[in-house]
């Protein structure tokens, strides 16, 4: 018997997000059976921004995304793929 790779479980908070005519795909996910969530934002070119540190809750990941948009603007996600370090 072989072990299977765990499935990704996508949060109900994952969605297309549009502001100022720019749409990004907000994806919050975790490994099946895991606890930590990953936050990823994919732009229309297919490049993604991924937060380096995990989130304990879907709501925390969503709030972090919304705060990044408020602080830096939606155009932040039009840049090349990046990893955002955890901000406290």
PDB file of N, CA and C in Angstrom:
ATOM      1  N   UNK A   1       0.836  -1.176   0.000  1.00  0.00           N
ATOM      2  CA  UNK A   1       0.000   0.000   0.000  1.00  0.00           C
ATOM      3  C   UNK A   1       0.881   1.240   0.000  1.00  0.00           C
ATOM      4  N   UNK A   2       0.536   2.214  -0.818  1.00  0.00           N
ATOM      5  CA  UNK A   2       1.339   3.429  -0.901  1.00  0.00           C
ATOM      6  C   UNK A   2       0.628   4.573  -0.183  1.00  0.00           C
ATOM      7  N   UNK A   3       1.422   5.446   0.384  1.00  0.00           N
ATOM      8  CA  UNK A   3       0.867   6.639   1.020  1.00  0.00           C
ATOM      9  C   UNK A   3       0.482   7.636  -0.062  1.00  0.00           C
ATOM     10  N   UNK A   4      -0.624   8.308   0.140  1.00  0.00           N
ATOM     11  CA  UNK A   4      -1.033   9.320  -0.823  1.00  0.00           C
ATOM     12  C   UNK A   4      -0.647  10.691  -0.291  1.00  0.00           C
ATOM     13  N   UNK A   5      -0.442  11.606  -1.196  1.00  0.00           N
ATOM     14  CA  UNK A   5      -0.168  12.982  -0.802  1.00  0.00           C
ATOM     15  C   UNK A   5      -1.426  13.576  -0.196  1.00  0.00           C
ATOM     16  N   UNK A   6      -1.283  14.444   0.816  1.00  0.00           N
ATOM     17  CA  UNK A   6      -2.464  15.056   1.415  1.00  0.00           C
ATOM     18  C   UNK A   6      -3.125  16.025   0.434  1.00  0.00           C
ATOM     19  N   UNK A   7      -4.418  16.146   0.537  1.00  0.00           N
ATOM     20  CA  UNK A   7      -5.168  17.095  -0.283  1.00  0.00           C
ATOM     21  C   UNK A   7      -5.042  18.493   0.289  1.00  0.00           C
ATOM     22  N   UNK A   8      -5.219  19.484  -0.579  1.00  0.00           N
ATOM     23  CA  UNK A   8      -5.316  20.863  -0.114  1.00  0.00           C
ATOM     24  C   UNK A   8      -6.771  21.154   0.193  1.00  0.00           C
ATOM     25  N   UNK A   9      -7.000  21.783   1.321  1.00  0.00           N
ATOM     26  CA  UNK A   9      -8.344  22.180   1.729  1.00  0.00           C
ATOM     27  C   UNK A   9      -8.408  23.696   1.596  1.00  0.00           C
ATOM     28  N   UNK A  10      -9.298  24.164   0.724  1.00  0.00           N
ATOM     29  CA  UNK A  10      -9.418  25.589   0.452  1.00  0.00           C
ATOM     30  C   UNK A  10     -10.476  26.207   1.356  1.00  0.00           C
ATOM     31  N   UNK A  11     -10.154  27.355   1.911  1.00  0.00           N
ATOM     32  CA  UNK A  11     -11.065  28.057   2.812  1.00  0.00           C
ATOM     33  C   UNK A  11     -12.272  28.616   2.070  1.00  0.00           C
ATOM     34  N   UNK A  12     -13.380  28.724   2.767  1.00  0.00           N
ATOM     35  CA  UNK A  12     -14.578  29.367   2.225  1.00  0.00           C
ATOM     36  C   UNK A  12     -14.340  30.851   1.986  1.00  0.00           C
ATOM     37  N   UNK A  13     -13.279  31.411   2.572  1.00  0.00           N
ATOM     38  CA  UNK A  13     -12.950  32.822   2.386  1.00  0.00           C
ATOM     39  C   UNK A  13     -12.127  33.075   1.123  1.00  0.00           C
ATOM     40  N   UNK A  14     -11.701  32.016   0.447  1.00  0.00           N
ATOM     41  CA  UNK A  14     -10.995  32.171  -0.825  1.00  0.00           C
ATOM     42  C   UNK A  14     -11.977  32.721  -1.853  1.00  0.00           C
ATOM     43  N   UNK A  15     -11.497  33.650  -2.684  1.00  0.00           N
ATOM     44  CA  UNK A  15     -12.403  34.286  -3.637  1.00  0.00           C
ATOM     45  C   UNK A  15     -11.629  35.168  -4.600  1.00  0.00           C
ATOM     46  N   UNK A  16     -12.340  35.590  -5.658  1.00  0.00           N
ATOM     47  CA  UNK A  16     -11.819  36.662  -6.501  1.00  0.00           C
ATOM     48  C   UNK A  16     -12.093  37.970  -5.777  1.00  0.00           C
ATOM     49  N   UNK A  17     -11.104  38.846  -5.760  1.00  0.00           N
ATOM     50  CA  UNK A  17     -11.221  40.131  -5.080  1.00  0.00           C
ATOM     51  C   UNK A  17     -10.903  41.215  -6.091  1.00  0.00           C
ATOM     52  N   UNK A  18     -11.802  42.174  -6.236  1.00  0.00           N
ATOM     53  CA  UNK A  18     -11.617  43.261  -7.200  1.00  0.00           C
ATOM     54  C   UNK A  18     -11.638  44.601  -6.486  1.00  0.00           C
ATOM     55  N   UNK A  19     -10.672  45.424  -6.838  1.00  0.00           N
ATOM     56  CA  UNK A  19     -10.623  46.803  -6.344  1.00  0.00           C
ATOM     57  C   UNK A  19      -9.956  47.651  -7.409  1.00  0.00           C
ATOM     58  N   UNK A  20     -10.526  48.812  -7.668  1.00  0.00           N
ATOM     59  CA  UNK A  20      -9.965  49.751  -8.651  1.00  0.00           C
ATOM     60  C   UNK A  20      -9.748  49.089 -10.008  1.00  0.00           C
ATOM     61  N   UNK A  21     -10.635  48.193 -10.388  1.00  0.00           N
ATOM     62  CA  UNK A  21     -10.552  47.535 -11.685  1.00  0.00           C
ATOM     63  C   UNK A  21      -9.524  46.419 -11.774  1.00  0.00           C
ATOM     64  N   UNK A  22      -8.890  46.093 -10.664  1.00  0.00           N
ATOM     65  CA  UNK A  22      -7.884  45.030 -10.627  1.00  0.00           C
ATOM     66  C   UNK A  22      -8.461  43.854  -9.854  1.00  0.00           C
ATOM     67  N   UNK A  23      -8.397  42.669 -10.455  1.00  0.00           N
ATOM     68  CA  UNK A  23      -8.913  41.460  -9.815  1.00  0.00           C
ATOM     69  C   UNK A  23      -7.771  40.498  -9.531  1.00  0.00           C
ATOM     70  N   UNK A  24      -7.752  39.999  -8.310  1.00  0.00           N
ATOM     71  CA  UNK A  24      -6.777  38.981  -7.909  1.00  0.00           C
ATOM     72  C   UNK A  24      -7.547  37.806  -7.326  1.00  0.00           C
ATOM     73  N   UNK A  25      -6.904  36.660  -7.317  1.00  0.00           N
ATOM     74  CA  UNK A  25      -7.480  35.457  -6.731  1.00  0.00           C
ATOM     75  C   UNK A  25      -6.881  35.277  -5.348  1.00  0.00           C
ATOM     76  N   UNK A  26      -7.698  35.457  -4.332  1.00  0.00           N
ATOM     77  CA  UNK A  26      -7.273  35.285  -2.944  1.00  0.00           C
ATOM     78  C   UNK A  26      -7.493  33.822  -2.575  1.00  0.00           C
ATOM     79  N   UNK A  27      -6.425  33.138  -2.187  1.00  0.00           N
ATOM     80  CA  UNK A  27      -6.519  31.716  -1.867  1.00  0.00           C
ATOM     81  C   UNK A  27      -5.960  31.491  -0.465  1.00  0.00           C
ATOM     82  N   UNK A  28      -6.796  30.918   0.386  1.00  0.00           N
ATOM     83  CA  UNK A  28      -6.388  30.527   1.736  1.00  0.00           C
ATOM     84  C   UNK A  28      -6.575  29.018   1.800  1.00  0.00           C
ATOM     85  N   UNK A  29      -5.515  28.305   2.128  1.00  0.00           N
ATOM     86  CA  UNK A  29      -5.614  26.848   2.121  1.00  0.00           C
ATOM     87  C   UNK A  29      -4.735  26.233   3.200  1.00  0.00           C
ATOM     88  N   UNK A  30      -5.005  24.962   3.468  1.00  0.00           N
ATOM     89  CA  UNK A  30      -4.182  24.187   4.393  1.00  0.00           C
ATOM     90  C   UNK A  30      -4.096  22.764   3.864  1.00  0.00           C
ATOM     91  N   UNK A  31      -3.135  22.028   4.358  1.00  0.00           N
ATOM     92  CA  UNK A  31      -3.050  20.612   4.026  1.00  0.00           C
ATOM     93  C   UNK A  31      -4.115  19.860   4.800  1.00  0.00           C
ATOM     94  N   UNK A  32      -4.733  18.889   4.153  1.00  0.00           N
ATOM     95  CA  UNK A  32      -5.723  18.049   4.814  1.00  0.00           C
ATOM     96  C   UNK A  32      -5.128  17.472   6.098  1.00  0.00           C
ATOM     97  N   UNK A  33      -5.821  17.663   7.198  1.00  0.00           N
ATOM     98  CA  UNK A  33      -5.328  17.178   8.484  1.00  0.00           C
ATOM     99  C   UNK A  33      -4.389  18.138   9.178  1.00  0.00           C
ATOM    100  N   UNK A  34      -3.975  19.202   8.483  1.00  0.00           N
ATOM    101  CA  UNK A  34      -3.074  20.183   9.072  1.00  0.00           C
ATOM    102  C   UNK A  34      -3.835  21.283   9.776  1.00  0.00           C
ATOM    103  N   UNK A  35      -3.113  22.098  10.500  1.00  0.00           N
ATOM    104  CA  UNK A  35      -3.746  23.185  11.253  1.00  0.00           C
ATOM    105  C   UNK A  35      -3.448  24.549  10.643  1.00  0.00           C
ATOM    106  N   UNK A  36      -2.255  24.734  10.105  1.00  0.00           N
ATOM    107  CA  UNK A  36      -1.829  26.049   9.629  1.00  0.00           C
ATOM    108  C   UNK A  36      -2.340  26.341   8.226  1.00  0.00           C
ATOM    109  N   UNK A  37      -2.757  27.590   8.024  1.00  0.00           N
ATOM    110  CA  UNK A  37      -3.235  28.037   6.715  1.00  0.00           C
ATOM    111  C   UNK A  37      -2.148  28.828   6.006  1.00  0.00           C
ATOM    112  N   UNK A  38      -2.189  28.772   4.690  1.00  0.00           N
ATOM    113  CA  UNK A  38      -1.299  29.546   3.840  1.00  0.00           C
ATOM    114  C   UNK A  38      -2.139  30.575   3.109  1.00  0.00           C
ATOM    115  N   UNK A  39      -1.603  31.780   2.974  1.00  0.00           N
ATOM    116  CA  UNK A  39      -2.270  32.858   2.251  1.00  0.00           C
ATOM    117  C   UNK A  39      -1.505  33.122   0.966  1.00  0.00           C
ATOM    118  N   UNK A  40      -2.217  33.054  -0.154  1.00  0.00           N
ATOM    119  CA  UNK A  40      -1.619  33.287  -1.474  1.00  0.00           C
ATOM    120  C   UNK A  40      -2.550  34.181  -2.279  1.00  0.00           C
ATOM    121  N   UNK A  41      -1.957  35.125  -2.994  1.00  0.00           N
ATOM    122  CA  UNK A  41      -2.718  36.009  -3.884  1.00  0.00           C
ATOM    123  C   UNK A  41      -2.129  35.864  -5.278  1.00  0.00           C
ATOM    124  N   UNK A  42      -2.978  35.501  -6.244  1.00  0.00           N
ATOM    125  CA  UNK A  42      -2.539  35.269  -7.615  1.00  0.00           C
ATOM    126  C   UNK A  42      -3.123  36.365  -8.503  1.00  0.00           C
ATOM    127  N   UNK A  43      -2.249  37.024  -9.285  1.00  0.00           N
ATOM    128  CA  UNK A  43      -2.731  38.089 -10.169  1.00  0.00           C
ATOM    129  C   UNK A  43      -3.116  37.530 -11.536  1.00  0.00           C
ATOM    130  N   UNK A  44      -3.558  38.417 -12.419  1.00  0.00           N
ATOM    131  CA  UNK A  44      -4.045  37.980 -13.735  1.00  0.00           C
ATOM    132  C   UNK A  44      -2.956  37.438 -14.640  1.00  0.00           C
ATOM    133  N   UNK A  45      -1.697  37.636 -14.286  1.00  0.00           N
ATOM    134  CA  UNK A  45      -0.574  37.084 -15.053  1.00  0.00           C
ATOM    135  C   UNK A  45      -0.173  35.703 -14.538  1.00  0.00           C
ATOM    136  N   UNK A  46      -0.798  35.280 -13.425  1.00  0.00           N
ATOM    137  CA  UNK A  46      -0.502  33.975 -12.858  1.00  0.00           C
ATOM    138  C   UNK A  46       0.639  33.977 -11.861  1.00  0.00           C
ATOM    139  N   UNK A  47       1.196  35.150 -11.575  1.00  0.00           N
ATOM    140  CA  UNK A  47       2.233  35.203 -10.549  1.00  0.00           C
ATOM    141  C   UNK A  47       1.562  35.355  -9.194  1.00  0.00           C
ATOM    142  N   UNK A  48       2.221  34.835  -8.177  1.00  0.00           N
ATOM    143  CA  UNK A  48       1.583  34.846  -6.867  1.00  0.00           C
ATOM    144  C   UNK A  48       2.452  35.495  -5.808  1.00  0.00           C
ATOM    145  N   UNK A  49       1.760  35.997  -4.818  1.00  0.00           N
ATOM    146  CA  UNK A  49       2.372  36.528  -3.610  1.00  0.00           C
ATOM    147  C   UNK A  49       1.954  35.588  -2.494  1.00  0.00           C
ATOM    148  N   UNK A  50       2.933  35.074  -1.767  1.00  0.00           N
ATOM    149  CA  UNK A  50       2.667  34.108  -0.705  1.00  0.00           C
ATOM    150  C   UNK A  50       3.257  34.647   0.590  1.00  0.00           C
ATOM    151  N   UNK A  51       2.459  34.609   1.642  1.00  0.00           N
ATOM    152  CA  UNK A  51       2.961  34.997   2.954  1.00  0.00           C
ATOM    153  C   UNK A  51       3.800  33.860   3.491  1.00  0.00           C
ATOM    154  N   UNK A  52       4.953  34.199   4.021  1.00  0.00           N
ATOM    155  CA  UNK A  52       5.931  33.212   4.482  1.00  0.00           C
ATOM    156  C   UNK A  52       5.469  32.468   5.736  1.00  0.00           C
ATOM    157  N   UNK A  53       4.857  33.174   6.655  1.00  0.00           N
ATOM    158  CA  UNK A  53       4.437  32.558   7.905  1.00  0.00           C
ATOM    159  C   UNK A  53       2.994  32.069   7.807  1.00  0.00           C
ATOM    160  N   UNK A  54       2.694  30.956   8.453  1.00  0.00           N
ATOM    161  CA  UNK A  54       1.333  30.406   8.400  1.00  0.00           C
ATOM    162  C   UNK A  54       0.383  31.167   9.323  1.00  0.00           C
ATOM    163  N   UNK A  55      -0.892  30.918   9.118  1.00  0.00           N
ATOM    164  CA  UNK A  55      -1.955  31.520   9.925  1.00  0.00           C
ATOM    165  C   UNK A  55      -2.701  30.405  10.641  1.00  0.00           C
ATOM    166  N   UNK A  56      -3.102  30.668  11.880  1.00  0.00           N
ATOM    167  CA  UNK A  56      -3.838  29.670  12.650  1.00  0.00           C
ATOM    168  C   UNK A  56      -5.298  29.596  12.225  1.00  0.00           C
ATOM    169  N   UNK A  57      -5.820  30.709  11.694  1.00  0.00           N
ATOM    170  CA  UNK A  57      -7.243  30.772  11.358  1.00  0.00           C
ATOM    171  C   UNK A  57      -7.453  31.407   9.989  1.00  0.00           C
ATOM    172  N   UNK A  58      -8.498  30.967   9.297  1.00  0.00           N
ATOM    173  CA  UNK A  58      -8.862  31.557   8.005  1.00  0.00           C
ATOM    174  C   UNK A  58      -9.119  33.050   8.131  1.00  0.00           C
ATOM    175  N   UNK A  59      -9.825  33.450   9.196  1.00  0.00           N
ATOM    176  CA  UNK A  59     -10.150  34.863   9.387  1.00  0.00           C
ATOM    177  C   UNK A  59      -8.900  35.721   9.537  1.00  0.00           C
ATOM    178  N   UNK A  60      -7.877  35.190  10.175  1.00  0.00           N
ATOM    179  CA  UNK A  60      -6.628  35.931  10.349  1.00  0.00           C
ATOM    180  C   UNK A  60      -5.930  36.137   9.004  1.00  0.00           C
ATOM    181  N   UNK A  61      -5.938  35.119   8.174  1.00  0.00           N
ATOM    182  CA  UNK A  61      -5.336  35.246   6.839  1.00  0.00           C
ATOM    183  C   UNK A  61      -6.103  36.267   6.005  1.00  0.00           C
ATOM    184  N   UNK A  62      -7.414  36.201   6.047  1.00  0.00           N
ATOM    185  CA  UNK A  62      -8.247  37.141   5.303  1.00  0.00           C
ATOM    186  C   UNK A  62      -8.019  38.572   5.783  1.00  0.00           C
ATOM    187  N   UNK A  63      -7.982  38.770   7.092  1.00  0.00           N
ATOM    188  CA  UNK A  63      -7.754  40.104   7.653  1.00  0.00           C
ATOM    189  C   UNK A  63      -6.383  40.645   7.252  1.00  0.00           C
ATOM    190  N   UNK A  64      -5.391  39.783   7.207  1.00  0.00           N
ATOM    191  CA  UNK A  64      -4.044  40.203   6.800  1.00  0.00           C
ATOM    192  C   UNK A  64      -4.043  40.655   5.345  1.00  0.00           C
ATOM    193  N   UNK A  65      -4.739  39.917   4.486  1.00  0.00           N
ATOM    194  CA  UNK A  65      -4.855  40.321   3.084  1.00  0.00           C
ATOM    195  C   UNK A  65      -5.527  41.688   2.973  1.00  0.00           C
ATOM    196  N   UNK A  66      -6.657  41.859   3.641  1.00  0.00           N
ATOM    197  CA  UNK A  66      -7.391  43.127   3.570  1.00  0.00           C
ATOM    198  C   UNK A  66      -6.553  44.284   4.112  1.00  0.00           C
ATOM    199  N   UNK A  67      -5.770  44.026   5.150  1.00  0.00           N
ATOM    200  CA  UNK A  67      -4.903  45.075   5.704  1.00  0.00           C
ATOM    201  C   UNK A  67      -3.789  45.419   4.718  1.00  0.00           C
ATOM    202  N   UNK A  68      -3.246  44.427   4.031  1.00  0.00           N
ATOM    203  CA  UNK A  68      -2.211  44.682   3.020  1.00  0.00           C
ATOM    204  C   UNK A  68      -2.771  45.547   1.896  1.00  0.00           C
ATOM    205  N   UNK A  69      -3.996  45.273   1.476  1.00  0.00           N
ATOM    206  CA  UNK A  69      -4.633  46.092   0.435  1.00  0.00           C
ATOM    207  C   UNK A  69      -4.838  47.509   0.951  1.00  0.00           C
ATOM    208  N   UNK A  70      -5.300  47.650   2.194  1.00  0.00           N
ATOM    209  CA  UNK A  70      -5.519  48.976   2.778  1.00  0.00           C
ATOM    210  C   UNK A  70      -4.207  49.754   2.913  1.00  0.00           C
ATOM    211  N   UNK A  71      -3.151  49.063   3.334  1.00  0.00           N
ATOM    212  CA  UNK A  71      -1.856  49.720   3.566  1.00  0.00           C
ATOM    213  C   UNK A  71      -1.096  50.015   2.279  1.00  0.00           C
ATOM    214  N   UNK A  72      -1.081  49.050   1.353  1.00  0.00           N
ATOM    215  CA  UNK A  72      -0.190  49.121   0.196  1.00  0.00           C
ATOM    216  C   UNK A  72      -0.909  49.249  -1.141  1.00  0.00           C
ATOM    217  N   UNK A  73      -2.216  49.014  -1.149  1.00  0.00           N
ATOM    218  CA  UNK A  73      -2.974  49.094  -2.395  1.00  0.00           C
ATOM    219  C   UNK A  73      -2.992  47.773  -3.139  1.00  0.00           C
ATOM    220  N   UNK A  74      -4.009  47.602  -3.938  1.00  0.00           N
ATOM    221  CA  UNK A  74      -4.174  46.363  -4.714  1.00  0.00           C
ATOM    222  C   UNK A  74      -3.065  46.201  -5.756  1.00  0.00           C
ATOM    223  N   UNK A  75      -2.475  47.309  -6.198  1.00  0.00           N
ATOM    224  CA  UNK A  75      -1.413  47.230  -7.217  1.00  0.00           C
ATOM    225  C   UNK A  75      -0.171  46.509  -6.694  1.00  0.00           C
ATOM    226  N   UNK A  76      -0.064  46.371  -5.390  1.00  0.00           N
ATOM    227  CA  UNK A  76       1.044  45.603  -4.807  1.00  0.00           C
ATOM    228  C   UNK A  76       1.121  44.206  -5.400  1.00  0.00           C
ATOM    229  N   UNK A  77      -0.043  43.646  -5.728  1.00  0.00           N
ATOM    230  CA  UNK A  77      -0.096  42.271  -6.202  1.00  0.00           C
ATOM    231  C   UNK A  77       0.097  42.147  -7.704  1.00  0.00           C
ATOM    232  N   UNK A  78       0.393  43.263  -8.370  1.00  0.00           N
ATOM    233  CA  UNK A  78       0.679  43.211  -9.799  1.00  0.00           C
ATOM    234  C   UNK A  78       2.152  42.977 -10.073  1.00  0.00           C
ATOM    235  N   UNK A  79       2.963  43.086  -9.043  1.00  0.00           N
ATOM    236  CA  UNK A  79       4.404  42.897  -9.178  1.00  0.00           C
ATOM    237  C   UNK A  79       4.736  41.429  -9.397  1.00  0.00           C
ATOM    238  N   UNK A  80       5.998  41.150  -9.581  1.00  0.00           N
ATOM    239  CA  UNK A  80       6.456  39.779  -9.726  1.00  0.00           C
ATOM    240  C   UNK A  80       6.167  38.965  -8.486  1.00  0.00           C
ATOM    241  N   UNK A  81       6.245  37.676  -8.603  1.00  0.00           N
ATOM    242  CA  UNK A  81       5.993  36.789  -7.477  1.00  0.00           C
ATOM    243  C   UNK A  81       6.923  37.144  -6.321  1.00  0.00           C
ATOM    244  N   UNK A  82       6.349  37.209  -5.134  1.00  0.00           N
ATOM    245  CA  UNK A  82       7.129  37.543  -3.941  1.00  0.00           C
ATOM    246  C   UNK A  82       6.664  36.700  -2.766  1.00  0.00           C
ATOM    247  N   UNK A  83       7.515  36.644  -1.765  1.00  0.00           N
ATOM    248  CA  UNK A  83       7.150  36.059  -0.476  1.00  0.00           C
ATOM    249  C   UNK A  83       7.185  37.183   0.525  1.00  0.00           C
ATOM    250  N   UNK A  84       6.086  37.371   1.249  1.00  0.00           N
ATOM    251  CA  UNK A  84       5.990  38.459   2.218  1.00  0.00           C
ATOM    252  C   UNK A  84       6.346  37.914   3.597  1.00  0.00           C
ATOM    253  N   UNK A  85       7.342  38.504   4.225  1.00  0.00           N
ATOM    254  CA  UNK A  85       7.678  38.048   5.585  1.00  0.00           C
ATOM    255  C   UNK A  85       6.561  38.436   6.545  1.00  0.00           C
ATOM    256  N   UNK A  86       6.478  37.723   7.613  1.00  0.00           N
ATOM    257  CA  UNK A  86       5.448  37.956   8.620  1.00  0.00           C
ATOM    258  C   UNK A  86       5.656  39.329   9.236  1.00  0.00           C
ATOM    259  N   UNK A  87       4.574  40.091   9.346  1.00  0.00           N
ATOM    260  CA  UNK A  87       4.636  41.411  10.003  1.00  0.00           C
ATOM    261  C   UNK A  87       3.904  41.334  11.322  1.00  0.00           C
ATOM    262  N   UNK A  88       4.499  41.833  12.346  1.00  0.00           N
ATOM    263  CA  UNK A  88       3.840  41.898  13.661  1.00  0.00           C
ATOM    264  C   UNK A  88       3.521  43.313  13.998  1.00  0.00           C
TER     265      UNK A  88
END
